[in-house]
Amino acid sequence: MQVAMSRVLCALAIALTLSCNAGPSEKFEAAQSRQAVGSTVTAQFLTLPMHPREEESSEEGLIEFENRFIWRAPLENGLPPGISNGPQVEAAQPSPLAARAGGGTGTQVLVNASNAADSYQGETGAAANGTSIVGGSNSIFPGACGTNPCFVRSYTSGDGGTSYSTASPGGTWNGTTFGITFDPAIDFDTSGNYFYVFGGAPLSGSFPNSIAVASAGPSGLSWSTPVAVTFNKNRFFDDKYYLAVDRSASTFRDRIYVGWDRNQQNNQILFVSFSSNHGASWSSPVKVNDGTSRFERVIGAYPAVDHRNGTVLMSWHDYARNQIFVDRSTNGGVSWGTDVLAAITHTGFGMDIGCNGGRSQSPAHHLKVGPSGTLHLVYADNVAGSGFDILYVQSANGGLTWTAPRRLNDDAGAAHQYHPTLAVSAGAAGDKVAVTFYDRRDDPANCLTHVYSTQSTDGGATFSANVRQTTAASNFDGNPNGPGDYSSSTPVGTGTIAFHSQHPAADFDVFAIGF
């Protein structure tokens, strides 16, 4: 089964409110094209800013979607036929926090970091090296990508988050100028130099797809020409990238890791590549997940490094099994161990929680290793009787075993919370863990959205009452992109800066929230 590239390109152009035969539109007027398959809810492609229609395939119960094939046949014990994952475990119910009167407004810095009129700024990255703060996001000008390049942007502050300047790594590398770049993530090395990973795809013509990394010095103000980590032409699609840099004193000091899922015909496989020369060149892709069937379903690679010893970990969501897995490498990403189940989910590939233009929400998990060596993992999930909630698990033994999930949002009722971010730093009584998330508790209609936060100063044993960090609610309804697929935050001094999309009026912008 092969997807016609011309149809993929046409679908992408339509998704960006472009026509394959006409000039660009000027507004967000084209709603996302979605097609039901039987009585099931359609899945979504989680990368590009607006998602084209999926189509039914007559072969083996698969749905043809872009150049990905999504399994829709009846599942056996939660798994596709022929796939075994040992004894099935019932999903543990999360432990709610003690009842509190949440919803207070915190003392925060709230800055519009992007200030880009007539654009969509969503899906953020974040890092801070002690002297500067760098955020990043998709930057899409619907229907006008020729006039205003739709390339990821960075938002850099040298004054502790009071003001930001913007820049872009551009969209040209490996002899190719891409029509759009997307899925940003940012980290830094032991010298404070920043690295920015993102993907690229065209809006017309042939269909190369690539992952690239650009670098900047400690100021984070000027980006180098991107270097290709992968470059694919009419073969497969690499998706959902994230990166982590080793800042340990180990043999792998300053090694950069980029993880992603590769969509090739019927399979989605998790890969990692690494660079030991500051991103100038990259290793061949190394497979991470253990699955060997023809119908692996992984997405959302998230690497993290234990900066005490250089161990690198990778987490991902297996949406066929409805589980989040974690694996580890102790030899610099050359080989990987056995996949370990960290959490059970109830979202499949994604869940439409409404008011996001039809854009489904996934667990959007984040993994960090604290200074203590504890692994911290946050994710969103559909909790029976409580709506979409923010859940937290941890591992004190390097990811071999994980705690039962704890619910971090402290509201009553079934309002939706999603897009958790995770920032972990050293605290006086253990790892300091800060989590932000989108939250609809203030709207009886469960639609208008604020950003809330909660923190732990004792390594995740207890968390503070939730605090509202935004002053105006965002209305994502009617916009086919919603706020995208994920958000990010970073420790800054003794506090945290979270980068979230906000849509209080006509524009989508990225706001830096300091608390």
Protein backbone atom coordinates (compact mmCIF):
# COMPACT_ATOMS: atom_id res chain seq x y z
CA MET A 1 0.00 0.00 0.00
CA GLN A 2 1.44 3.32 -1.00
CA VAL A 3 0.08 6.83 -0.51
CA ALA A 4 0.19 9.03 -3.59
CA MET A 5 2.47 11.93 -2.74
CA SER A 6 0.46 14.35 -4.84
CA ARG A 7 -2.61 13.64 -2.74
CA VAL A 8 -0.62 14.14 0.47
CA LEU A 9 0.63 17.47 -0.77
CA CYS A 10 -2.82 18.58 -1.88
CA ALA A 11 -4.27 17.58 1.50
CA LEU A 12 -1.57 19.51 3.31
CA ALA A 13 -2.17 22.55 1.12
CA ILE A 14 -5.89 22.41 1.82
CA ALA A 15 -5.16 22.01 5.53
CA LEU A 16 -3.20 25.24 5.45
CA THR A 17 -6.13 26.94 3.66
CA LEU A 18 -4.26 26.80 0.36
CA SER A 19 -5.60 25.40 -2.88
CA CYS A 20 -3.64 23.06 -5.13
CA ASN A 21 -4.79 25.15 -8.10
CA ALA A 22 -5.44 28.61 -6.64
CA GLY A 23 -3.84 31.32 -4.59
CA PRO A 24 -3.74 31.47 -0.79
CA SER A 25 -6.68 32.35 1.41
CA GLU A 26 -6.16 35.03 4.04
CA LYS A 27 -8.05 33.73 7.04
CA PHE A 28 -8.67 30.69 9.21
CA GLU A 29 -11.77 29.78 7.21
CA ALA A 30 -11.22 26.16 6.23
CA ALA A 31 -12.36 23.89 9.02
CA GLN A 32 -10.42 20.70 9.55
CA SER A 33 -11.59 17.96 7.23
CA ARG A 34 -12.59 14.91 9.24
CA GLN A 35 -14.25 11.70 8.20
CA ALA A 36 -15.87 9.15 10.45
CA VAL A 37 -15.05 5.50 9.86
CA GLY A 38 -18.05 3.43 10.83
CA SER A 39 -19.01 4.42 14.34
CA THR A 40 -15.46 5.03 15.53
CA VAL A 41 -13.83 8.36 16.22
CA THR A 42 -11.24 9.31 13.65
CA ALA A 43 -7.59 9.46 14.64
CA GLN A 44 -5.40 12.47 13.96
CA PHE A 45 -1.99 13.17 12.57
CA LEU A 46 -0.22 14.89 15.42
CA THR A 47 2.47 16.92 13.66
CA LEU A 48 1.44 19.46 11.07
CA PRO A 49 -0.57 22.43 12.28
CA MET A 50 -3.82 21.31 10.64
CA HIS A 51 -4.66 17.74 9.87
CA PRO A 52 -6.03 16.44 6.56
CA ARG A 53 -8.69 13.80 6.16
CA GLU A 54 -8.02 10.13 6.68
CA GLU A 55 -9.35 7.57 4.24
CA GLU A 56 -10.41 4.00 4.64
CA SER A 57 -8.25 1.23 3.23
CA SER A 58 -9.72 -2.02 2.06
CA GLU A 59 -6.67 -4.02 3.11
CA GLU A 60 -6.38 -5.66 6.51
CA GLY A 61 -8.64 -3.19 8.31
CA LEU A 62 -6.14 -0.35 8.09
CA ILE A 63 -6.93 3.31 7.59
CA GLU A 64 -4.70 5.14 5.14
CA PHE A 65 -3.70 8.45 6.61
CA GLU A 66 -1.01 10.61 5.01
CA ASN A 67 1.77 8.02 4.72
CA ARG A 68 0.82 6.43 8.00
CA PHE A 69 -1.54 3.50 8.41
CA ILE A 70 -3.57 3.35 11.56
CA TRP A 71 -4.92 0.04 12.80
CA ARG A 72 -8.68 0.07 13.31
CA ALA A 73 -9.56 -3.62 13.50
CA PRO A 74 -11.16 -4.92 16.73
CA LEU A 75 -8.59 -5.21 19.49
CA GLU A 76 -7.93 -8.31 21.55
CA ASN A 77 -7.34 -7.48 25.22
CA GLY A 78 -6.54 -3.93 24.17
CA LEU A 79 -3.94 -5.01 21.59
CA PRO A 80 -4.03 -5.62 17.83
CA PRO A 81 -4.37 -9.32 16.91
CA GLY A 82 -1.08 -11.16 17.12
CA ILE A 83 0.57 -8.70 19.52
CA SER A 84 1.33 -9.83 23.03
CA ASN A 85 2.47 -7.73 25.93
CA GLY A 86 2.26 -10.28 28.71
CA PRO A 87 -0.52 -10.23 31.31
CA GLN A 88 -2.87 -7.30 30.88
CA VAL A 89 -2.97 -4.90 33.81
CA GLU A 90 -6.09 -3.09 34.87
CA ALA A 91 -5.61 0.66 34.86
CA ALA A 92 -4.93 1.93 38.35
CA GLN A 93 -7.17 4.73 39.46
CA PRO A 94 -5.19 7.91 40.13
CA SER A 95 -4.89 9.09 43.70
CA PRO A 96 -6.65 12.44 44.03
CA LEU A 97 -5.08 15.19 46.05
CA ALA A 98 -6.83 16.24 49.21
CA ALA A 99 -9.78 18.52 48.50
CA ARG A 100 -8.70 22.15 48.28
CA ALA A 101 -10.13 25.46 47.20
CA GLY A 102 -8.20 25.78 43.95
CA GLY A 103 -8.51 28.57 41.43
CA GLY A 104 -6.66 31.45 43.06
CA THR A 105 -4.60 33.82 40.91
CA GLY A 106 -0.85 33.62 41.43
CA THR A 107 1.89 36.22 41.37
CA GLN A 108 3.42 35.80 37.95
CA VAL A 109 5.12 37.38 35.00
CA LEU A 110 2.91 37.10 31.92
CA VAL A 111 4.59 38.25 28.71
CA ASN A 112 3.49 37.97 25.09
CA ALA A 113 6.71 36.47 23.73
CA SER A 114 5.73 36.06 20.07
CA ASN A 115 3.61 39.15 19.20
CA ALA A 116 2.99 37.91 15.66
CA ALA A 117 -0.17 39.33 14.10
CA ASP A 118 -2.38 37.19 11.85
CA SER A 119 -0.52 34.04 12.80
CA TYR A 120 -0.81 30.80 14.70
CA GLN A 121 1.88 30.20 17.33
CA GLY A 122 1.60 26.80 18.97
CA GLU A 123 3.48 23.74 20.28
CA THR A 124 6.28 25.16 22.39
CA GLY A 125 9.80 24.25 23.44
CA ALA A 126 11.67 25.77 26.39
CA ALA A 127 15.14 25.89 27.95
CA ALA A 128 17.15 28.25 30.18
CA ASN A 129 20.93 28.07 30.66
CA GLY A 130 21.23 30.39 33.67
CA THR A 131 21.86 33.60 31.74
CA SER A 132 19.17 33.51 29.05
CA ILE A 133 15.78 31.91 28.41
CA VAL A 134 14.78 30.47 25.03
CA GLY A 135 11.31 29.34 24.02
CA GLY A 136 10.17 28.18 20.62
CA SER A 137 7.02 27.36 18.69
CA ASN A 138 5.47 26.67 15.34
CA SER A 139 4.78 29.93 13.54
CA ILE A 140 2.10 29.56 10.87
CA PHE A 141 0.52 32.28 8.72
CA PRO A 142 -2.52 30.44 7.33
CA GLY A 143 -2.90 30.90 3.62
CA ALA A 144 0.17 33.14 3.46
CA CYS A 145 3.18 30.85 3.92
CA GLY A 146 4.76 32.27 0.77
CA THR A 147 4.58 35.85 2.02
CA ASN A 148 5.46 35.03 5.63
CA PRO A 149 7.61 31.89 5.91
CA CYS A 150 5.93 29.31 8.13
CA PHE A 151 9.09 28.36 10.01
CA VAL A 152 9.53 27.65 13.71
CA ARG A 153 10.64 30.65 15.75
CA SER A 154 12.56 31.25 18.95
CA TYR A 155 11.75 33.70 21.74
CA THR A 156 14.81 34.76 23.71
CA SER A 157 15.07 36.76 26.91
CA GLY A 158 18.25 38.04 28.53
CA ASP A 159 16.50 39.91 31.32
CA GLY A 160 14.93 37.04 33.24
CA GLY A 161 11.75 36.86 31.17
CA THR A 162 10.64 40.49 31.18
CA SER A 163 11.01 40.91 27.40
CA TYR A 164 11.72 38.67 24.42
CA SER A 165 13.30 38.98 20.99
CA THR A 166 12.35 36.66 18.13
CA ALA A 167 14.39 34.82 15.49
CA SER A 168 14.10 31.78 13.23
CA PRO A 169 16.55 29.03 12.25
CA GLY A 170 15.06 29.22 8.77
CA GLY A 171 13.76 26.41 6.58
CA THR A 172 16.69 25.58 4.29
CA TRP A 173 19.08 22.69 4.83
CA ASN A 174 20.48 19.70 2.95
CA GLY A 175 20.00 21.57 -0.32
CA THR A 176 16.25 21.90 0.22
CA THR A 177 14.02 24.79 1.18
CA PHE A 178 10.97 23.45 2.97
CA GLY A 179 7.54 25.06 2.90
CA ILE A 180 6.88 24.58 6.60
CA THR A 181 8.83 23.59 9.71
CA PHE A 182 7.25 22.28 12.90
CA ASP A 183 7.47 20.32 16.18
CA PRO A 184 10.09 22.44 18.02
CA ALA A 185 12.17 21.45 21.06
CA ILE A 186 15.15 23.16 22.71
CA ASP A 187 17.98 22.21 25.10
CA PHE A 188 21.54 23.37 25.89
CA ASP A 189 25.00 21.91 26.55
CA THR A 190 27.54 22.38 29.35
CA SER A 191 28.81 25.60 27.71
CA GLY A 192 25.31 27.04 27.61
CA ASN A 193 24.99 26.68 23.83
CA TYR A 194 21.40 26.09 22.68
CA PHE A 195 20.20 23.42 20.25
CA TYR A 196 16.85 23.51 18.44
CA VAL A 197 15.28 20.47 16.75
CA PHE A 198 12.33 20.61 14.33
CA GLY A 199 10.96 18.95 11.22
CA GLY A 200 10.43 20.17 7.69
CA ALA A 201 8.01 19.32 4.88
CA PRO A 202 7.05 21.03 1.61
CA LEU A 203 3.78 22.67 0.67
CA SER A 204 4.04 21.60 -2.98
CA GLY A 205 6.23 19.67 -5.41
CA SER A 206 8.15 16.57 -4.34
CA PHE A 207 7.82 15.21 -0.83
CA PRO A 208 11.04 15.28 1.19
CA ASN A 209 10.66 15.11 4.96
CA SER A 210 13.52 15.82 7.32
CA ILE A 211 14.54 16.35 10.93
CA ALA A 212 17.11 19.10 11.51
CA VAL A 213 18.97 20.71 14.40
CA ALA A 214 20.22 24.30 14.55
CA SER A 215 22.50 25.73 17.21
CA ALA A 216 23.07 29.07 18.90
CA GLY A 217 25.53 30.38 21.47
CA PRO A 218 24.67 31.02 25.13
CA SER A 219 22.69 34.14 24.26
CA GLY A 220 20.29 32.13 22.10
CA LEU A 221 19.90 35.06 19.72
CA SER A 222 21.26 33.81 16.38
CA TRP A 223 20.79 30.33 14.91
CA SER A 224 23.16 28.42 12.66
CA THR A 225 22.16 26.82 9.37
CA PRO A 226 20.21 23.67 10.33
CA VAL A 227 21.92 20.28 9.92
CA ALA A 228 19.88 17.26 8.82
CA VAL A 229 19.45 14.45 11.34
CA THR A 230 17.35 12.53 8.79
CA PHE A 231 16.35 13.31 5.22
CA ASN A 232 13.65 11.21 3.56
CA LYS A 233 12.31 11.49 0.04
CA ASN A 234 9.25 9.46 -0.91
CA ARG A 235 10.09 6.77 1.63
CA PHE A 236 8.66 7.45 5.08
CA PHE A 237 7.70 10.23 7.46
CA ASP A 238 9.61 11.04 10.66
CA ASP A 239 7.39 12.63 13.30
CA LYS A 240 7.19 14.12 16.82
CA TYR A 241 10.79 14.97 17.62
CA TYR A 242 12.27 16.01 20.92
CA LEU A 243 15.86 16.36 22.08
CA ALA A 244 17.98 16.21 25.22
CA VAL A 245 21.63 17.12 25.81
CA ASP A 246 23.90 15.29 28.26
CA ARG A 247 25.34 17.74 30.79
CA SER A 248 26.98 15.08 32.96
CA ALA A 249 30.71 14.54 33.49
CA SER A 250 30.47 11.14 31.81
CA THR A 251 32.07 9.90 28.58
CA PHE A 252 28.96 11.16 26.77
CA ARG A 253 29.20 14.74 28.04
CA ASP A 254 27.52 17.18 25.59
CA ARG A 255 26.12 14.37 23.44
CA ILE A 256 22.84 15.48 21.82
CA TYR A 257 20.00 12.98 21.51
CA VAL A 258 17.04 13.36 19.14
CA GLY A 259 14.15 10.88 19.36
CA TRP A 260 11.23 10.44 16.95
CA ASP A 261 8.76 7.93 15.53
CA ARG A 262 9.17 6.77 11.95
CA ASN A 263 6.03 6.07 9.92
CA GLN A 264 6.77 3.57 7.19
CA GLN A 265 3.86 1.80 5.50
CA ASN A 266 2.07 -0.08 8.30
CA ASN A 267 4.53 0.54 11.10
CA GLN A 268 5.49 3.28 13.54
CA ILE A 269 8.88 2.61 15.09
CA LEU A 270 10.76 4.66 17.68
CA PHE A 271 14.26 5.81 16.75
CA VAL A 272 17.05 7.91 18.23
CA SER A 273 20.11 9.54 16.68
CA PHE A 274 22.93 11.25 18.54
CA SER A 275 25.68 13.74 17.85
CA SER A 276 29.01 14.00 19.68
CA ASN A 277 30.29 17.02 17.75
CA HIS A 278 27.77 19.73 18.66
CA GLY A 279 25.29 18.73 15.96
CA ALA A 280 27.71 18.86 13.00
CA SER A 281 26.95 15.22 12.13
CA TRP A 282 24.59 12.53 13.38
CA SER A 283 24.63 8.79 13.98
CA SER A 284 22.55 6.38 11.98
CA PRO A 285 19.10 5.92 13.56
CA VAL A 286 18.97 3.39 16.40
CA LYS A 287 15.71 1.55 17.09
CA VAL A 288 14.50 1.97 20.70
CA ASN A 289 11.16 0.18 21.23
CA ASP A 290 11.15 -3.60 21.53
CA GLY A 291 8.11 -4.27 19.30
CA THR A 292 8.76 -6.21 16.11
CA SER A 293 5.25 -6.73 14.74
CA ARG A 294 3.98 -5.24 11.49
CA PHE A 295 1.60 -3.01 13.41
CA GLU A 296 3.64 -1.11 16.00
CA ARG A 297 1.95 2.12 17.10
CA VAL A 298 4.30 4.54 18.87
CA ILE A 299 4.34 8.33 18.98
CA GLY A 300 5.73 11.15 21.09
CA ALA A 301 9.39 10.25 21.65
CA TYR A 302 10.69 12.14 24.68
CA PRO A 303 14.38 11.73 25.64
CA ALA A 304 15.78 12.69 29.04
CA VAL A 305 19.27 12.44 30.53
CA ASP A 306 20.40 11.61 34.04
CA HIS A 307 23.01 14.34 34.40
CA ARG A 308 24.66 12.50 37.30
CA ASN A 309 25.98 9.66 35.13
CA GLY A 310 25.01 10.13 31.46
CA THR A 311 22.26 7.49 31.34
CA VAL A 312 19.79 8.47 28.63
CA LEU A 313 16.13 7.51 28.81
CA MET A 314 13.34 7.60 26.26
CA SER A 315 9.60 7.65 26.84
CA TRP A 316 6.79 7.29 24.31
CA HIS A 317 3.10 6.56 23.98
CA ASP A 318 2.02 3.23 22.48
CA TYR A 319 -1.53 4.14 21.48
CA ALA A 320 -2.54 0.64 20.38
CA ARG A 321 -1.71 -0.72 23.83
CA ASN A 322 -2.78 2.53 25.56
CA GLN A 323 0.44 2.59 27.55
CA ILE A 324 3.40 4.90 28.11
CA PHE A 325 6.74 3.10 28.04
CA VAL A 326 10.24 4.09 29.16
CA ASP A 327 13.53 2.55 28.05
CA ARG A 328 17.13 3.39 28.90
CA SER A 329 20.64 3.30 27.45
CA THR A 330 23.86 3.32 29.47
CA ASN A 331 26.20 3.42 26.45
CA GLY A 332 25.29 6.74 24.89
CA GLY A 333 22.27 5.58 22.90
CA VAL A 334 24.11 2.84 21.01
CA SER A 335 21.86 0.11 22.43
CA TRP A 336 18.74 0.03 24.58
CA GLY A 337 17.27 -2.18 27.28
CA THR A 338 13.82 -3.64 27.81
CA ASP A 339 10.74 -1.44 27.49
CA VAL A 340 9.15 -0.78 30.89
CA LEU A 341 5.49 0.13 31.37
CA ALA A 342 5.31 3.46 33.22
CA ALA A 343 1.61 4.35 32.92
CA ILE A 344 -1.66 3.12 31.42
CA THR A 345 -3.73 5.56 29.37
CA HIS A 346 -7.29 5.74 28.08
CA THR A 347 -6.97 8.05 25.09
CA GLY A 348 -5.88 5.89 22.15
CA PHE A 349 -4.25 8.03 19.48
CA GLY A 350 -6.11 11.05 20.78
CA MET A 351 -9.39 12.17 22.31
CA ASP A 352 -11.59 15.02 21.11
CA ILE A 353 -12.33 16.97 24.28
CA GLY A 354 -14.25 19.64 22.38
CA CYS A 355 -13.59 23.36 21.88
CA ASN A 356 -10.28 22.73 20.10
CA GLY A 357 -11.58 22.82 16.54
CA GLY A 358 -11.82 19.04 16.42
CA ARG A 359 -8.16 18.60 17.26
CA SER A 360 -7.84 15.57 19.49
CA GLN A 361 -5.60 15.61 22.55
CA SER A 362 -3.08 12.90 23.35
CA PRO A 363 -1.38 12.27 26.73
CA ALA A 364 1.28 14.85 25.69
CA HIS A 365 3.60 13.32 28.28
CA HIS A 366 6.89 14.79 29.53
CA LEU A 367 9.77 12.92 31.19
CA LYS A 368 12.54 14.52 33.26
CA VAL A 369 15.29 13.16 35.49
CA GLY A 370 15.70 15.21 38.65
CA PRO A 371 19.03 16.11 40.30
CA SER A 372 18.29 13.32 42.79
CA GLY A 373 18.05 10.75 39.98
CA THR A 374 14.29 10.35 40.41
CA LEU A 375 12.38 10.06 37.13
CA HIS A 376 9.32 12.31 36.92
CA LEU A 377 6.59 11.76 34.30
CA VAL A 378 3.44 13.83 33.72
CA TYR A 379 0.69 13.16 31.20
CA ALA A 380 -2.97 13.86 30.49
CA ASP A 381 -5.57 11.11 30.48
CA ASN A 382 -9.30 10.47 30.43
CA VAL A 383 -10.27 9.61 34.01
CA ALA A 384 -13.70 8.07 34.56
CA GLY A 385 -16.10 10.62 36.06
CA SER A 386 -13.46 13.36 36.13
CA GLY A 387 -12.80 14.35 32.52
CA PHE A 388 -9.34 14.77 31.02
CA ASP A 389 -6.95 15.15 33.97
CA ILE A 390 -3.25 15.73 34.65
CA LEU A 391 -1.54 12.68 36.15
CA TYR A 392 1.90 12.18 37.65
CA VAL A 393 4.06 9.10 38.24
CA GLN A 394 7.68 8.72 39.33
CA SER A 395 10.42 6.12 39.51
CA ALA A 396 13.12 6.07 42.19
CA ASN A 397 15.10 3.20 40.63
CA GLY A 398 15.99 4.42 37.18
CA GLY A 399 12.69 3.53 35.54
CA LEU A 400 12.48 -0.13 36.56
CA THR A 401 9.27 0.38 38.54
CA TRP A 402 6.79 3.25 38.73
CA THR A 403 4.38 4.59 41.31
CA ALA A 404 0.60 4.58 40.92
CA PRO A 405 -0.69 7.71 39.15
CA ARG A 406 -1.53 10.79 41.19
CA ARG A 407 -4.04 13.38 39.93
CA LEU A 408 -2.52 16.87 40.04
CA ASN A 409 -5.51 19.06 39.15
CA ASP A 410 -7.47 19.67 42.35
CA ASP A 411 -10.82 20.81 40.95
CA ALA A 412 -14.08 19.00 41.52
CA GLY A 413 -16.25 17.89 38.62
CA ALA A 414 -15.33 16.91 35.09
CA ALA A 415 -13.64 19.98 33.60
CA HIS A 416 -10.83 19.12 31.18
CA GLN A 417 -7.14 19.68 31.90
CA TYR A 418 -4.50 18.92 29.26
CA HIS A 419 -1.07 19.85 27.81
CA PRO A 420 0.97 19.35 30.98
CA THR A 421 4.48 20.81 31.12
CA LEU A 422 7.22 19.64 33.46
CA ALA A 423 10.17 21.54 34.95
CA VAL A 424 12.43 19.83 37.51
CA SER A 425 15.25 21.42 39.49
CA ALA A 426 17.09 21.05 42.78
CA GLY A 427 15.16 21.97 45.91
CA ALA A 428 15.94 22.21 49.61
CA ALA A 429 14.02 19.03 50.45
CA GLY A 430 14.41 17.06 47.20
CA ASP A 431 13.63 17.66 43.56
CA LYS A 432 11.44 20.67 42.89
CA VAL A 433 8.75 19.67 40.40
CA ALA A 434 6.66 22.34 38.65
CA VAL A 435 3.75 21.45 36.37
CA THR A 436 1.54 23.74 34.28
CA PHE A 437 -1.47 22.79 32.19
CA TYR A 438 -4.47 24.11 30.31
CA ASP A 439 -7.55 24.11 32.52
CA ARG A 440 -11.28 24.72 31.91
CA ARG A 441 -12.57 24.65 35.48
CA ASP A 442 -13.58 28.34 35.37
CA ASP A 443 -16.04 27.84 32.49
CA PRO A 444 -19.27 25.96 33.31
CA ALA A 445 -19.44 25.06 29.61
CA ASN A 446 -16.01 23.35 29.86
CA CYS A 447 -14.63 25.33 26.94
CA LEU A 448 -12.80 28.58 27.82
CA THR A 449 -9.27 27.81 28.95
CA HIS A 450 -6.80 29.21 31.49
CA VAL A 451 -3.33 27.98 32.46
CA TYR A 452 -2.93 26.61 35.98
CA SER A 453 0.12 25.40 37.89
CA THR A 454 1.07 23.24 40.82
CA GLN A 455 4.43 22.59 42.46
CA SER A 456 6.17 20.08 44.69
CA THR A 457 9.18 20.98 46.81
CA ASP A 458 9.66 17.50 48.29
CA GLY A 459 10.45 15.42 45.23
CA GLY A 460 6.85 14.82 44.19
CA ALA A 461 5.60 13.48 47.52
CA THR A 462 3.09 16.34 47.85
CA PHE A 463 1.91 19.11 45.54
CA SER A 464 0.64 22.61 46.23
CA ALA A 465 -2.89 23.82 45.59
CA ASN A 466 -3.46 24.70 41.94
CA VAL A 467 -2.93 28.35 40.99
CA ARG A 468 -4.35 30.12 37.95
CA GLN A 469 -1.53 31.81 36.04
CA THR A 470 -3.38 33.58 33.22
CA THR A 471 -5.49 36.71 33.47
CA ALA A 472 -7.65 36.17 30.37
CA ALA A 473 -9.24 32.94 29.19
CA SER A 474 -8.41 31.56 25.75
CA ASN A 475 -11.11 30.49 23.33
CA PHE A 476 -9.65 27.75 21.13
CA ASP A 477 -13.07 26.73 19.78
CA GLY A 478 -13.53 27.14 16.05
CA ASN A 479 -9.79 27.16 15.31
CA PRO A 480 -8.79 23.90 13.63
CA ASN A 481 -5.39 23.93 15.30
CA GLY A 482 -6.54 24.38 18.86
CA PRO A 483 -3.41 24.97 20.95
CA GLY A 484 -1.55 22.19 19.11
CA ASP A 485 -0.29 18.98 20.68
CA TYR A 486 2.01 19.98 23.53
CA SER A 487 3.51 22.82 25.59
CA SER A 488 6.81 23.19 27.48
CA SER A 489 8.39 24.81 30.53
CA THR A 490 11.84 25.20 32.05
CA PRO A 491 13.38 25.99 35.45
CA VAL A 492 14.69 29.56 35.70
CA GLY A 493 16.59 30.38 38.89
CA THR A 494 14.32 29.38 41.74
CA GLY A 495 11.21 29.67 39.57
CA THR A 496 9.73 28.36 36.34
CA ILE A 497 8.91 29.79 32.92
CA ALA A 498 6.16 28.00 30.97
CA PHE A 499 5.45 28.75 27.32
CA HIS A 500 1.78 28.27 26.39
CA SER A 501 -0.32 29.34 23.41
CA GLN A 502 -2.97 31.92 24.23
CA HIS A 503 -5.96 32.96 22.15
CA PRO A 504 -7.84 35.64 24.08
CA ALA A 505 -8.64 37.63 20.91
CA ALA A 506 -7.94 37.40 17.18
CA ASP A 507 -4.33 36.19 17.24
CA PHE A 508 -2.67 33.08 18.54
CA ASP A 509 0.44 34.05 20.50
CA VAL A 510 2.93 32.37 22.80
CA PHE A 511 2.95 33.77 26.32
CA ALA A 512 5.82 33.23 28.75
CA ILE A 513 4.41 32.59 32.21
CA GLY A 514 6.84 33.05 35.08
CA PHE A 515 6.01 31.88 38.60
